[in-house]
Amino acid sequence: MASGDNTRMWFPEMLDELSKMWTPEMTWDEINAICLYMGERLKNIRKERGINTKTKCKCGCGGNMEISSKISIRSLLFSLKKIEAITDLEFKKLDKMWQSYQRKQKLNAYYETK
């Protein structure tokens, strides 16, 4: 396992899939569906590669914390920017639109009702 793989949220094959799935006309519901799909892909990749999804707590208590496989809308937007599917300007516009939509709909980062 490569260093950092247990906390990695976007593997190269996921980014490749994202670039093929993305269209600028997508609704927030469609973007959320991609996030849910990518969360499952992440979980499967970690399982297939035997990547430990638990990490030691940094506070020193010695407990283990489960690493989430949830992909947030904002994480997806950053990934689109990283793979150059959207420009910096498009990212900023989408990010503002997402934050506005999120507030109005009372959603958390994962498109769930607060």
PDB file of N, CA and C in Angstrom:
ATOM      1  N   MET A   1       0.852  -1.179   0.000  1.00  0.00           N
ATOM      2  CA  MET A   1       0.000   0.000   0.000  1.00  0.00           C
ATOM      3  C   MET A   1       0.890   1.232   0.000  1.00  0.00           C
ATOM      4  N   ALA A   2       0.614   2.144  -0.894  1.00  0.00           N
ATOM      5  CA  ALA A   2       1.372   3.383  -0.968  1.00  0.00           C
ATOM      6  C   ALA A   2       1.059   4.250   0.239  1.00  0.00           C
ATOM      7  N   SER A   3       2.038   5.034   0.639  1.00  0.00           N
ATOM      8  CA  SER A   3       1.852   5.940   1.758  1.00  0.00           C
ATOM      9  C   SER A   3       0.680   6.869   1.490  1.00  0.00           C
ATOM     10  N   GLY A   4      -0.213   6.981   2.450  1.00  0.00           N
ATOM     11  CA  GLY A   4      -1.355   7.871   2.323  1.00  0.00           C
ATOM     12  C   GLY A   4      -2.582   7.259   1.671  1.00  0.00           C
ATOM     13  N   ASP A   5      -2.471   6.026   1.150  1.00  0.00           N
ATOM     14  CA  ASP A   5      -3.620   5.411   0.484  1.00  0.00           C
ATOM     15  C   ASP A   5      -4.806   5.219   1.419  1.00  0.00           C
ATOM     16  N   ASN A   6      -4.543   5.021   2.709  1.00  0.00           N
ATOM     17  CA  ASN A   6      -5.666   4.782   3.622  1.00  0.00           C
ATOM     18  C   ASN A   6      -6.504   6.042   3.852  1.00  0.00           C
ATOM     19  N   THR A   7      -5.967   7.219   3.543  1.00  0.00           N
ATOM     20  CA  THR A   7      -6.746   8.446   3.681  1.00  0.00           C
ATOM     21  C   THR A   7      -7.075   9.080   2.327  1.00  0.00           C
ATOM     22  N   ARG A   8      -6.618   8.493   1.250  1.00  0.00           N
ATOM     23  CA  ARG A   8      -6.886   9.022  -0.090  1.00  0.00           C
ATOM     24  C   ARG A   8      -8.369   8.891  -0.405  1.00  0.00           C
ATOM     25  N   MET A   9      -8.936   9.962  -0.967  1.00  0.00           N
ATOM     26  CA  MET A   9     -10.352   9.958  -1.337  1.00  0.00           C
ATOM     27  C   MET A   9     -10.557   9.759  -2.837  1.00  0.00           C
ATOM     28  N   TRP A  10      -9.588  10.118  -3.647  1.00  0.00           N
ATOM     29  CA  TRP A  10      -9.720  10.035  -5.102  1.00  0.00           C
ATOM     30  C   TRP A  10      -8.518   9.274  -5.669  1.00  0.00           C
ATOM     31  N   PHE A  11      -8.753   8.073  -6.134  1.00  0.00           N
ATOM     32  CA  PHE A  11      -7.730   7.285  -6.805  1.00  0.00           C
ATOM     33  C   PHE A  11      -7.755   7.631  -8.295  1.00  0.00           C
ATOM     34  N   PRO A  12      -6.636   7.426  -9.003  1.00  0.00           N
ATOM     35  CA  PRO A  12      -6.569   7.804 -10.423  1.00  0.00           C
ATOM     36  C   PRO A  12      -7.700   7.249 -11.285  1.00  0.00           C
ATOM     37  N   GLU A  13      -8.099   5.999 -11.064  1.00  0.00           N
ATOM     38  CA  GLU A  13      -9.174   5.427 -11.868  1.00  0.00           C
ATOM     39  C   GLU A  13     -10.516   6.107 -11.592  1.00  0.00           C
ATOM     40  N   MET A  14     -10.689   6.610 -10.382  1.00  0.00           N
ATOM     41  CA  MET A  14     -11.906   7.350 -10.063  1.00  0.00           C
ATOM     42  C   MET A  14     -11.923   8.687 -10.790  1.00  0.00           C
ATOM     43  N   LEU A  15     -10.773   9.347 -10.826  1.00  0.00           N
ATOM     44  CA  LEU A  15     -10.663  10.621 -11.534  1.00  0.00           C
ATOM     45  C   LEU A  15     -10.907  10.434 -13.025  1.00  0.00           C
ATOM     46  N   ASP A  16     -10.425   9.326 -13.558  1.00  0.00           N
ATOM     47  CA  ASP A  16     -10.653   9.022 -14.976  1.00  0.00           C
ATOM     48  C   ASP A  16     -12.146   8.840 -15.246  1.00  0.00           C
ATOM     49  N   GLU A  17     -12.813   8.097 -14.387  1.00  0.00           N
ATOM     50  CA  GLU A  17     -14.266   7.907 -14.528  1.00  0.00           C
ATOM     51  C   GLU A  17     -15.014   9.229 -14.406  1.00  0.00           C
ATOM     52  N   LEU A  18     -14.590  10.040 -13.438  1.00  0.00           N
ATOM     53  CA  LEU A  18     -15.234  11.332 -13.232  1.00  0.00           C
ATOM     54  C   LEU A  18     -15.145  12.194 -14.483  1.00  0.00           C
ATOM     55  N   SER A  19     -13.986  12.200 -15.118  1.00  0.00           N
ATOM     56  CA  SER A  19     -13.833  13.020 -16.326  1.00  0.00           C
ATOM     57  C   SER A  19     -14.758  12.561 -17.445  1.00  0.00           C
ATOM     58  N   LYS A  20     -15.051  11.263 -17.478  1.00  0.00           N
ATOM     59  CA  LYS A  20     -15.961  10.730 -18.503  1.00  0.00           C
ATOM     60  C   LYS A  20     -17.428  10.987 -18.161  1.00  0.00           C
ATOM     61  N   MET A  21     -17.749  11.067 -16.886  1.00  0.00           N
ATOM     62  CA  MET A  21     -19.134  11.236 -16.437  1.00  0.00           C
ATOM     63  C   MET A  21     -19.580  12.699 -16.429  1.00  0.00           C
ATOM     64  N   TRP A  22     -18.637  13.602 -16.263  1.00  0.00           N
ATOM     65  CA  TRP A  22     -18.966  14.999 -16.038  1.00  0.00           C
ATOM     66  C   TRP A  22     -19.497  15.707 -17.273  1.00  0.00           C
ATOM     67  N   THR A  23     -20.587  16.444 -17.080  1.00  0.00           N
ATOM     68  CA  THR A  23     -21.078  17.394 -18.076  1.00  0.00           C
ATOM     69  C   THR A  23     -21.479  18.665 -17.326  1.00  0.00           C
ATOM     70  N   PRO A  24     -21.205  19.823 -17.894  1.00  0.00           N
ATOM     71  CA  PRO A  24     -21.505  21.086 -17.202  1.00  0.00           C
ATOM     72  C   PRO A  24     -22.993  21.315 -16.926  1.00  0.00           C
ATOM     73  N   GLU A  25     -23.868  20.619 -17.618  1.00  0.00           N
ATOM     74  CA  GLU A  25     -25.306  20.832 -17.460  1.00  0.00           C
ATOM     75  C   GLU A  25     -25.909  20.040 -16.297  1.00  0.00           C
ATOM     76  N   MET A  26     -25.113  19.320 -15.563  1.00  0.00           N
ATOM     77  CA  MET A  26     -25.633  18.452 -14.502  1.00  0.00           C
ATOM     78  C   MET A  26     -26.338  19.243 -13.405  1.00  0.00           C
ATOM     79  N   THR A  27     -27.393  18.618 -12.869  1.00  0.00           N
ATOM     80  CA  THR A  27     -28.099  19.192 -11.722  1.00  0.00           C
ATOM     81  C   THR A  27     -27.382  18.754 -10.445  1.00  0.00           C
ATOM     82  N   TRP A  28     -27.742  19.386  -9.322  1.00  0.00           N
ATOM     83  CA  TRP A  28     -27.138  18.971  -8.050  1.00  0.00           C
ATOM     84  C   TRP A  28     -27.531  17.539  -7.701  1.00  0.00           C
ATOM     85  N   ASP A  29     -28.728  17.124  -8.089  1.00  0.00           N
ATOM     86  CA  ASP A  29     -29.133  15.731  -7.862  1.00  0.00           C
ATOM     87  C   ASP A  29     -28.226  14.769  -8.628  1.00  0.00           C
ATOM     88  N   GLU A  30     -27.907  15.114  -9.864  1.00  0.00           N
ATOM     89  CA  GLU A  30     -27.028  14.261 -10.688  1.00  0.00           C
ATOM     90  C   GLU A  30     -25.596  14.265 -10.148  1.00  0.00           C
ATOM     91  N   ILE A  31     -25.144  15.421  -9.685  1.00  0.00           N
ATOM     92  CA  ILE A  31     -23.803  15.512  -9.097  1.00  0.00           C
ATOM     93  C   ILE A  31     -23.750  14.684  -7.820  1.00  0.00           C
ATOM     94  N   ASN A  32     -24.804  14.751  -7.014  1.00  0.00           N
ATOM     95  CA  ASN A  32     -24.869  13.929  -5.812  1.00  0.00           C
ATOM     96  C   ASN A  32     -24.833  12.444  -6.157  1.00  0.00           C
ATOM     97  N   ALA A  33     -25.519  12.049  -7.217  1.00  0.00           N
ATOM     98  CA  ALA A  33     -25.514  10.639  -7.632  1.00  0.00           C
ATOM     99  C   ALA A  33     -24.081  10.195  -7.967  1.00  0.00           C
ATOM    100  N   ILE A  34     -23.315  11.071  -8.590  1.00  0.00           N
ATOM    101  CA  ILE A  34     -21.909  10.744  -8.880  1.00  0.00           C
ATOM    102  C   ILE A  34     -21.134  10.595  -7.568  1.00  0.00           C
ATOM    103  N   CYS A  35     -21.378  11.492  -6.613  1.00  0.00           N
ATOM    104  CA  CYS A  35     -20.703  11.401  -5.311  1.00  0.00           C
ATOM    105  C   CYS A  35     -21.007  10.073  -4.626  1.00  0.00           C
ATOM    106  N   LEU A  36     -22.266   9.658  -4.656  1.00  0.00           N
ATOM    107  CA  LEU A  36     -22.645   8.381  -4.043  1.00  0.00           C
ATOM    108  C   LEU A  36     -21.965   7.212  -4.749  1.00  0.00           C
ATOM    109  N   TYR A  37     -21.948   7.255  -6.070  1.00  0.00           N
ATOM    110  CA  TYR A  37     -21.286   6.209  -6.853  1.00  0.00           C
ATOM    111  C   TYR A  37     -19.784   6.169  -6.534  1.00  0.00           C
ATOM    112  N   MET A  38     -19.162   7.333  -6.501  1.00  0.00           N
ATOM    113  CA  MET A  38     -17.725   7.393  -6.232  1.00  0.00           C
ATOM    114  C   MET A  38     -17.399   6.948  -4.806  1.00  0.00           C
ATOM    115  N   GLY A  39     -18.306   7.196  -3.876  1.00  0.00           N
ATOM    116  CA  GLY A  39     -18.120   6.708  -2.511  1.00  0.00           C
ATOM    117  C   GLY A  39     -18.083   5.188  -2.474  1.00  0.00           C
ATOM    118  N   GLU A  40     -18.968   4.560  -3.259  1.00  0.00           N
ATOM    119  CA  GLU A  40     -18.975   3.095  -3.357  1.00  0.00           C
ATOM    120  C   GLU A  40     -17.708   2.592  -4.058  1.00  0.00           C
ATOM    121  N   ARG A  41     -17.285   3.299  -5.103  1.00  0.00           N
ATOM    122  CA  ARG A  41     -16.045   2.932  -5.813  1.00  0.00           C
ATOM    123  C   ARG A  41     -14.860   2.993  -4.851  1.00  0.00           C
ATOM    124  N   LEU A  42     -14.814   4.058  -4.051  1.00  0.00           N
ATOM    125  CA  LEU A  42     -13.740   4.229  -3.079  1.00  0.00           C
ATOM    126  C   LEU A  42     -13.726   3.077  -2.084  1.00  0.00           C
ATOM    127  N   LYS A  43     -14.895   2.733  -1.568  1.00  0.00           N
ATOM    128  CA  LYS A  43     -15.004   1.631  -0.612  1.00  0.00           C
ATOM    129  C   LYS A  43     -14.517   0.320  -1.236  1.00  0.00           C
ATOM    130  N   ASN A  44     -14.905   0.068  -2.490  1.00  0.00           N
ATOM    131  CA  ASN A  44     -14.504  -1.160  -3.179  1.00  0.00           C
ATOM    132  C   ASN A  44     -13.003  -1.185  -3.465  1.00  0.00           C
ATOM    133  N   ILE A  45     -12.449  -0.069  -3.881  1.00  0.00           N
ATOM    134  CA  ILE A  45     -11.005   0.002  -4.149  1.00  0.00           C
ATOM    135  C   ILE A  45     -10.236  -0.289  -2.871  1.00  0.00           C
ATOM    136  N   ARG A  46     -10.639   0.330  -1.773  1.00  0.00           N
ATOM    137  CA  ARG A  46      -9.958   0.092  -0.492  1.00  0.00           C
ATOM    138  C   ARG A  46     -10.049  -1.386  -0.098  1.00  0.00           C
ATOM    139  N   LYS A  47     -11.218  -1.981  -0.296  1.00  0.00           N
ATOM    140  CA  LYS A  47     -11.404  -3.391   0.061  1.00  0.00           C
ATOM    141  C   LYS A  47     -10.547  -4.292  -0.819  1.00  0.00           C
ATOM    142  N   GLU A  48     -10.596  -4.068  -2.144  1.00  0.00           N
ATOM    143  CA  GLU A  48      -9.831  -4.887  -3.095  1.00  0.00           C
ATOM    144  C   GLU A  48      -8.335  -4.825  -2.825  1.00  0.00           C
ATOM    145  N   ARG A  49      -7.857  -3.671  -2.416  1.00  0.00           N
ATOM    146  CA  ARG A  49      -6.413  -3.485  -2.203  1.00  0.00           C
ATOM    147  C   ARG A  49      -5.980  -3.730  -0.764  1.00  0.00           C
ATOM    148  N   GLY A  50      -6.942  -4.105   0.069  1.00  0.00           N
ATOM    149  CA  GLY A  50      -6.616  -4.384   1.468  1.00  0.00           C
ATOM    150  C   GLY A  50      -6.138  -3.151   2.218  1.00  0.00           C
ATOM    151  N   ILE A  51      -6.698  -2.002   1.866  1.00  0.00           N
ATOM    152  CA  ILE A  51      -6.298  -0.754   2.500  1.00  0.00           C
ATOM    153  C   ILE A  51      -7.056  -0.599   3.810  1.00  0.00           C
ATOM    154  N   ASN A  52      -6.313  -0.455   4.880  1.00  0.00           N
ATOM    155  CA  ASN A  52      -6.885  -0.306   6.214  1.00  0.00           C
ATOM    156  C   ASN A  52      -7.685   0.987   6.276  1.00  0.00           C
ATOM    157  N   THR A  53      -8.924   0.884   6.695  1.00  0.00           N
ATOM    158  CA  THR A  53      -9.768   2.076   6.766  1.00  0.00           C
ATOM    159  C   THR A  53      -9.935   2.569   8.195  1.00  0.00           C
ATOM    160  N   LYS A  54      -9.037   2.172   9.055  1.00  0.00           N
ATOM    161  CA  LYS A  54      -9.047   2.672  10.429  1.00  0.00           C
ATOM    162  C   LYS A  54      -7.716   3.347  10.696  1.00  0.00           C
ATOM    163  N   THR A  55      -7.762   4.383  11.491  1.00  0.00           N
ATOM    164  CA  THR A  55      -6.568   5.120  11.833  1.00  0.00           C
ATOM    165  C   THR A  55      -6.569   5.405  13.324  1.00  0.00           C
ATOM    166  N   LYS A  56      -5.406   5.566  13.887  1.00  0.00           N
ATOM    167  CA  LYS A  56      -5.292   5.886  15.305  1.00  0.00           C
ATOM    168  C   LYS A  56      -5.734   7.316  15.542  1.00  0.00           C
ATOM    169  N   CYS A  57      -6.370   7.519  16.648  1.00  0.00           N
ATOM    170  CA  CYS A  57      -6.814   8.847  17.038  1.00  0.00           C
ATOM    171  C   CYS A  57      -5.593   9.703  17.382  1.00  0.00           C
ATOM    172  N   LYS A  58      -5.565  10.930  16.929  1.00  0.00           N
ATOM    173  CA  LYS A  58      -4.424  11.825  17.160  1.00  0.00           C
ATOM    174  C   LYS A  58      -4.408  12.423  18.562  1.00  0.00           C
ATOM    175  N   CYS A  59      -5.505  12.300  19.274  1.00  0.00           N
ATOM    176  CA  CYS A  59      -5.574  12.903  20.615  1.00  0.00           C
ATOM    177  C   CYS A  59      -4.802  12.082  21.651  1.00  0.00           C
ATOM    178  N   GLY A  60      -4.383  10.886  21.272  1.00  0.00           N
ATOM    179  CA  GLY A  60      -3.606  10.066  22.188  1.00  0.00           C
ATOM    180  C   GLY A  60      -4.414   9.073  22.994  1.00  0.00           C
ATOM    181  N   CYS A  61      -5.705   9.017  22.759  1.00  0.00           N
ATOM    182  CA  CYS A  61      -6.540   8.099  23.546  1.00  0.00           C
ATOM    183  C   CYS A  61      -6.349   6.646  23.103  1.00  0.00           C
ATOM    184  N   GLY A  62      -5.732   6.435  21.956  1.00  0.00           N
ATOM    185  CA  GLY A  62      -5.437   5.094  21.501  1.00  0.00           C
ATOM    186  C   GLY A  62      -6.553   4.402  20.752  1.00  0.00           C
ATOM    187  N   GLY A  63      -7.689   5.047  20.599  1.00  0.00           N
ATOM    188  CA  GLY A  63      -8.808   4.441  19.889  1.00  0.00           C
ATOM    189  C   GLY A  63      -8.614   4.495  18.382  1.00  0.00           C
ATOM    190  N   ASN A  64      -9.410   3.725  17.670  1.00  0.00           N
ATOM    191  CA  ASN A  64      -9.396   3.741  16.208  1.00  0.00           C
ATOM    192  C   ASN A  64     -10.590   4.521  15.685  1.00  0.00           C
ATOM    193  N   MET A  65     -10.373   5.212  14.576  1.00  0.00           N
ATOM    194  CA  MET A  65     -11.459   5.928  13.917  1.00  0.00           C
ATOM    195  C   MET A  65     -11.615   5.351  12.518  1.00  0.00           C
ATOM    196  N   GLU A  66     -12.856   5.139  12.115  1.00  0.00           N
ATOM    197  CA  GLU A  66     -13.149   4.657  10.762  1.00  0.00           C
ATOM    198  C   GLU A  66     -12.982   5.818   9.790  1.00  0.00           C
ATOM    199  N   ILE A  67     -12.290   5.581   8.686  1.00  0.00           N
ATOM    200  CA  ILE A  67     -12.120   6.599   7.655  1.00  0.00           C
ATOM    201  C   ILE A  67     -13.320   6.534   6.732  1.00  0.00           C
ATOM    202  N   SER A  68     -13.955   7.658   6.539  1.00  0.00           N
ATOM    203  CA  SER A  68     -15.180   7.733   5.745  1.00  0.00           C
ATOM    204  C   SER A  68     -14.918   7.437   4.265  1.00  0.00           C
ATOM    205  N   SER A  69     -15.917   6.849   3.636  1.00  0.00           N
ATOM    206  CA  SER A  69     -15.877   6.632   2.194  1.00  0.00           C
ATOM    207  C   SER A  69     -16.846   7.575   1.488  1.00  0.00           C
ATOM    208  N   LYS A  70     -17.381   8.537   2.209  1.00  0.00           N
ATOM    209  CA  LYS A  70     -18.303   9.496   1.615  1.00  0.00           C
ATOM    210  C   LYS A  70     -17.527  10.539   0.830  1.00  0.00           C
ATOM    211  N   ILE A  71     -18.056  10.892  -0.326  1.00  0.00           N
ATOM    212  CA  ILE A  71     -17.473  11.929  -1.173  1.00  0.00           C
ATOM    213  C   ILE A  71     -18.417  13.132  -1.123  1.00  0.00           C
ATOM    214  N   SER A  72     -17.903  14.272  -0.713  1.00  0.00           N
ATOM    215  CA  SER A  72     -18.733  15.472  -0.644  1.00  0.00           C
ATOM    216  C   SER A  72     -18.826  16.142  -2.016  1.00  0.00           C
ATOM    217  N   ILE A  73     -19.840  16.971  -2.165  1.00  0.00           N
ATOM    218  CA  ILE A  73     -20.011  17.732  -3.404  1.00  0.00           C
ATOM    219  C   ILE A  73     -18.780  18.605  -3.632  1.00  0.00           C
ATOM    220  N   ARG A  74     -18.307  19.247  -2.607  1.00  0.00           N
ATOM    221  CA  ARG A  74     -17.154  20.152  -2.737  1.00  0.00           C
ATOM    222  C   ARG A  74     -15.893  19.372  -3.122  1.00  0.00           C
ATOM    223  N   SER A  75     -15.722  18.195  -2.573  1.00  0.00           N
ATOM    224  CA  SER A  75     -14.594  17.348  -2.955  1.00  0.00           C
ATOM    225  C   SER A  75     -14.650  17.025  -4.437  1.00  0.00           C
ATOM    226  N   LEU A  76     -15.855  16.725  -4.932  1.00  0.00           N
ATOM    227  CA  LEU A  76     -16.024  16.449  -6.349  1.00  0.00           C
ATOM    228  C   LEU A  76     -15.658  17.676  -7.180  1.00  0.00           C
ATOM    229  N   LEU A  77     -16.074  18.866  -6.725  1.00  0.00           N
ATOM    230  CA  LEU A  77     -15.744  20.091  -7.455  1.00  0.00           C
ATOM    231  C   LEU A  77     -14.230  20.322  -7.504  1.00  0.00           C
ATOM    232  N   PHE A  78     -13.547  20.112  -6.375  1.00  0.00           N
ATOM    233  CA  PHE A  78     -12.092  20.254  -6.352  1.00  0.00           C
ATOM    234  C   PHE A  78     -11.431  19.246  -7.298  1.00  0.00           C
ATOM    235  N   SER A  79     -11.983  18.043  -7.350  1.00  0.00           N
ATOM    236  CA  SER A  79     -11.433  17.011  -8.233  1.00  0.00           C
ATOM    237  C   SER A  79     -11.628  17.371  -9.698  1.00  0.00           C
ATOM    238  N   LEU A  80     -12.774  17.946 -10.018  1.00  0.00           N
ATOM    239  CA  LEU A  80     -13.007  18.396 -11.398  1.00  0.00           C
ATOM    240  C   LEU A  80     -11.983  19.452 -11.795  1.00  0.00           C
ATOM    241  N   LYS A  81     -11.673  20.330 -10.861  1.00  0.00           N
ATOM    242  CA  LYS A  81     -10.659  21.359 -11.118  1.00  0.00           C
ATOM    243  C   LYS A  81      -9.280  20.708 -11.291  1.00  0.00           C
ATOM    244  N   LYS A  82      -8.983  19.738 -10.448  1.00  0.00           N
ATOM    245  CA  LYS A  82      -7.685  19.058 -10.495  1.00  0.00           C
ATOM    246  C   LYS A  82      -7.451  18.370 -11.842  1.00  0.00           C
ATOM    247  N   ILE A  83      -8.499  17.738 -12.378  1.00  0.00           N
ATOM    248  CA  ILE A  83      -8.344  17.027 -13.653  1.00  0.00           C
ATOM    249  C   ILE A  83      -8.598  17.944 -14.849  1.00  0.00           C
ATOM    250  N   GLU A  84      -8.781  19.229 -14.541  1.00  0.00           N
ATOM    251  CA  GLU A  84      -8.976  20.263 -15.560  1.00  0.00           C
ATOM    252  C   GLU A  84     -10.242  20.063 -16.393  1.00  0.00           C
ATOM    253  N   ALA A  85     -11.254  19.486 -15.762  1.00  0.00           N
ATOM    254  CA  ALA A  85     -12.559  19.370 -16.404  1.00  0.00           C
ATOM    255  C   ALA A  85     -13.314  20.690 -16.293  1.00  0.00           C
ATOM    256  N   ILE A  86     -12.925  21.481 -15.289  1.00  0.00           N
ATOM    257  CA  ILE A  86     -13.456  22.833 -15.135  1.00  0.00           C
ATOM    258  C   ILE A  86     -12.295  23.778 -14.853  1.00  0.00           C
ATOM    259  N   THR A  87     -12.478  25.029 -15.230  1.00  0.00           N
ATOM    260  CA  THR A  87     -11.450  26.046 -14.983  1.00  0.00           C
ATOM    261  C   THR A  87     -11.573  26.559 -13.551  1.00  0.00           C
ATOM    262  N   ASP A  88     -10.605  27.359 -13.143  1.00  0.00           N
ATOM    263  CA  ASP A  88     -10.649  27.960 -11.817  1.00  0.00           C
ATOM    264  C   ASP A  88     -11.884  28.855 -11.686  1.00  0.00           C
ATOM    265  N   LEU A  89     -12.189  29.592 -12.728  1.00  0.00           N
ATOM    266  CA  LEU A  89     -13.362  30.461 -12.732  1.00  0.00           C
ATOM    267  C   LEU A  89     -14.655  29.642 -12.625  1.00  0.00           C
ATOM    268  N   GLU A  90     -14.745  28.542 -13.377  1.00  0.00           N
ATOM    269  CA  GLU A  90     -15.915  27.660 -13.300  1.00  0.00           C
ATOM    270  C   GLU A  90     -16.039  27.031 -11.918  1.00  0.00           C
ATOM    271  N   PHE A  91     -14.895  26.656 -11.337  1.00  0.00           N
ATOM    272  CA  PHE A  91     -14.900  26.099  -9.991  1.00  0.00           C
ATOM    273  C   PHE A  91     -15.500  27.094  -9.008  1.00  0.00           C
ATOM    274  N   LYS A  92     -15.015  28.329  -9.060  1.00  0.00           N
ATOM    275  CA  LYS A  92     -15.506  29.352  -8.131  1.00  0.00           C
ATOM    276  C   LYS A  92     -17.005  29.582  -8.300  1.00  0.00           C
ATOM    277  N   LYS A  93     -17.460  29.611  -9.534  1.00  0.00           N
ATOM    278  CA  LYS A  93     -18.887  29.805  -9.814  1.00  0.00           C
ATOM    279  C   LYS A  93     -19.705  28.631  -9.268  1.00  0.00           C
ATOM    280  N   LEU A  94     -19.278  27.403  -9.569  1.00  0.00           N
ATOM    281  CA  LEU A  94     -19.987  26.214  -9.085  1.00  0.00           C
ATOM    282  C   LEU A  94     -19.959  26.126  -7.564  1.00  0.00           C
ATOM    283  N   ASP A  95     -18.826  26.478  -6.970  1.00  0.00           N
ATOM    284  CA  ASP A  95     -18.699  26.429  -5.520  1.00  0.00           C
ATOM    285  C   ASP A  95     -19.680  27.401  -4.869  1.00  0.00           C
ATOM    286  N   LYS A  96     -19.777  28.611  -5.401  1.00  0.00           N
ATOM    287  CA  LYS A  96     -20.742  29.584  -4.878  1.00  0.00           C
ATOM    288  C   LYS A  96     -22.168  29.096  -5.069  1.00  0.00           C
ATOM    289  N   MET A  97     -22.452  28.547  -6.250  1.00  0.00           N
ATOM    290  CA  MET A  97     -23.798  28.024  -6.513  1.00  0.00           C
ATOM    291  C   MET A  97     -24.132  26.891  -5.552  1.00  0.00           C
ATOM    292  N   TRP A  98     -23.162  26.003  -5.311  1.00  0.00           N
ATOM    293  CA  TRP A  98     -23.382  24.885  -4.396  1.00  0.00           C
ATOM    294  C   TRP A  98     -23.651  25.402  -2.979  1.00  0.00           C
ATOM    295  N   GLN A  99     -22.848  26.360  -2.515  1.00  0.00           N
ATOM    296  CA  GLN A  99     -23.032  26.889  -1.162  1.00  0.00           C
ATOM    297  C   GLN A  99     -24.406  27.543  -1.006  1.00  0.00           C
ATOM    298  N   SER A 100     -24.848  28.258  -2.018  1.00  0.00           N
ATOM    299  CA  SER A 100     -26.164  28.892  -1.990  1.00  0.00           C
ATOM    300  C   SER A 100     -27.270  27.835  -1.971  1.00  0.00           C
ATOM    301  N   TYR A 101     -27.167  26.861  -2.855  1.00  0.00           N
ATOM    302  CA  TYR A 101     -28.147  25.770  -2.922  1.00  0.00           C
ATOM    303  C   TYR A 101     -28.169  24.993  -1.606  1.00  0.00           C
ATOM    304  N   GLN A 102     -26.987  24.730  -1.081  1.00  0.00           N
ATOM    305  CA  GLN A 102     -26.853  23.977   0.163  1.00  0.00           C
ATOM    306  C   GLN A 102     -27.555  24.702   1.318  1.00  0.00           C
ATOM    307  N   ARG A 103     -27.344  26.011   1.418  1.00  0.00           N
ATOM    308  CA  ARG A 103     -28.002  26.797   2.471  1.00  0.00           C
ATOM    309  C   ARG A 103     -29.520  26.786   2.313  1.00  0.00           C
ATOM    310  N   LYS A 104     -29.981  27.042   1.092  1.00  0.00           N
ATOM    311  CA  LYS A 104     -31.427  27.113   0.838  1.00  0.00           C
ATOM    312  C   LYS A 104     -32.122  25.785   1.122  1.00  0.00           C
ATOM    313  N   GLN A 105     -31.477  24.697   0.775  1.00  0.00           N
ATOM    314  CA  GLN A 105     -32.068  23.367   0.960  1.00  0.00           C
ATOM    315  C   GLN A 105     -31.750  22.763   2.328  1.00  0.00           C
ATOM    316  N   LYS A 106     -30.940  23.482   3.129  1.00  0.00           N
ATOM    317  CA  LYS A 106     -30.516  23.012   4.458  1.00  0.00           C
ATOM    318  C   LYS A 106     -29.823  21.645   4.371  1.00  0.00           C
ATOM    319  N   LEU A 107     -28.818  21.584   3.502  1.00  0.00           N
ATOM    320  CA  LEU A 107     -28.076  20.350   3.281  1.00  0.00           C
ATOM    321  C   LEU A 107     -26.692  20.428   3.901  1.00  0.00           C
ATOM    322  N   ASN A 108     -26.150  19.276   4.261  1.00  0.00           N
ATOM    323  CA  ASN A 108     -24.765  19.234   4.697  1.00  0.00           C
ATOM    324  C   ASN A 108     -23.866  19.014   3.492  1.00  0.00           C
ATOM    325  N   ALA A 109     -22.598  18.782   3.714  1.00  0.00           N
ATOM    326  CA  ALA A 109     -21.628  18.626   2.622  1.00  0.00           C
ATOM    327  C   ALA A 109     -21.914  17.406   1.743  1.00  0.00           C
ATOM    328  N   TYR A 110     -22.658  16.445   2.289  1.00  0.00           N
ATOM    329  CA  TYR A 110     -22.923  15.195   1.584  1.00  0.00           C
ATOM    330  C   TYR A 110     -24.332  15.122   1.013  1.00  0.00           C
ATOM    331  N   TYR A 111     -24.967  16.282   0.840  1.00  0.00           N
ATOM    332  CA  TYR A 111     -26.296  16.371   0.229  1.00  0.00           C
ATOM    333  C   TYR A 111     -27.358  15.733   1.108  1.00  0.00           C
ATOM    334  N   GLU A 112     -27.104  15.722   2.389  1.00  0.00           N
ATOM    335  CA  GLU A 112     -28.071  15.176   3.352  1.00  0.00           C
ATOM    336  C   GLU A 112     -28.704  16.321   4.125  1.00  0.00           C
ATOM    337  N   THR A 113     -29.954  16.196   4.487  1.00  0.00           N
ATOM    338  CA  THR A 113     -30.632  17.228   5.261  1.00  0.00           C
ATOM    339  C   THR A 113     -29.998  17.343   6.632  1.00  0.00           C
ATOM    340  N   LYS A 114     -29.762  18.580   7.028  1.00  0.00           N
ATOM    341  CA  LYS A 114     -29.141  18.835   8.358  1.00  0.00           C
ATOM    342  C   LYS A 114     -30.108  18.497   9.469  1.00  0.00           C
TER     343      LYS A 114
END
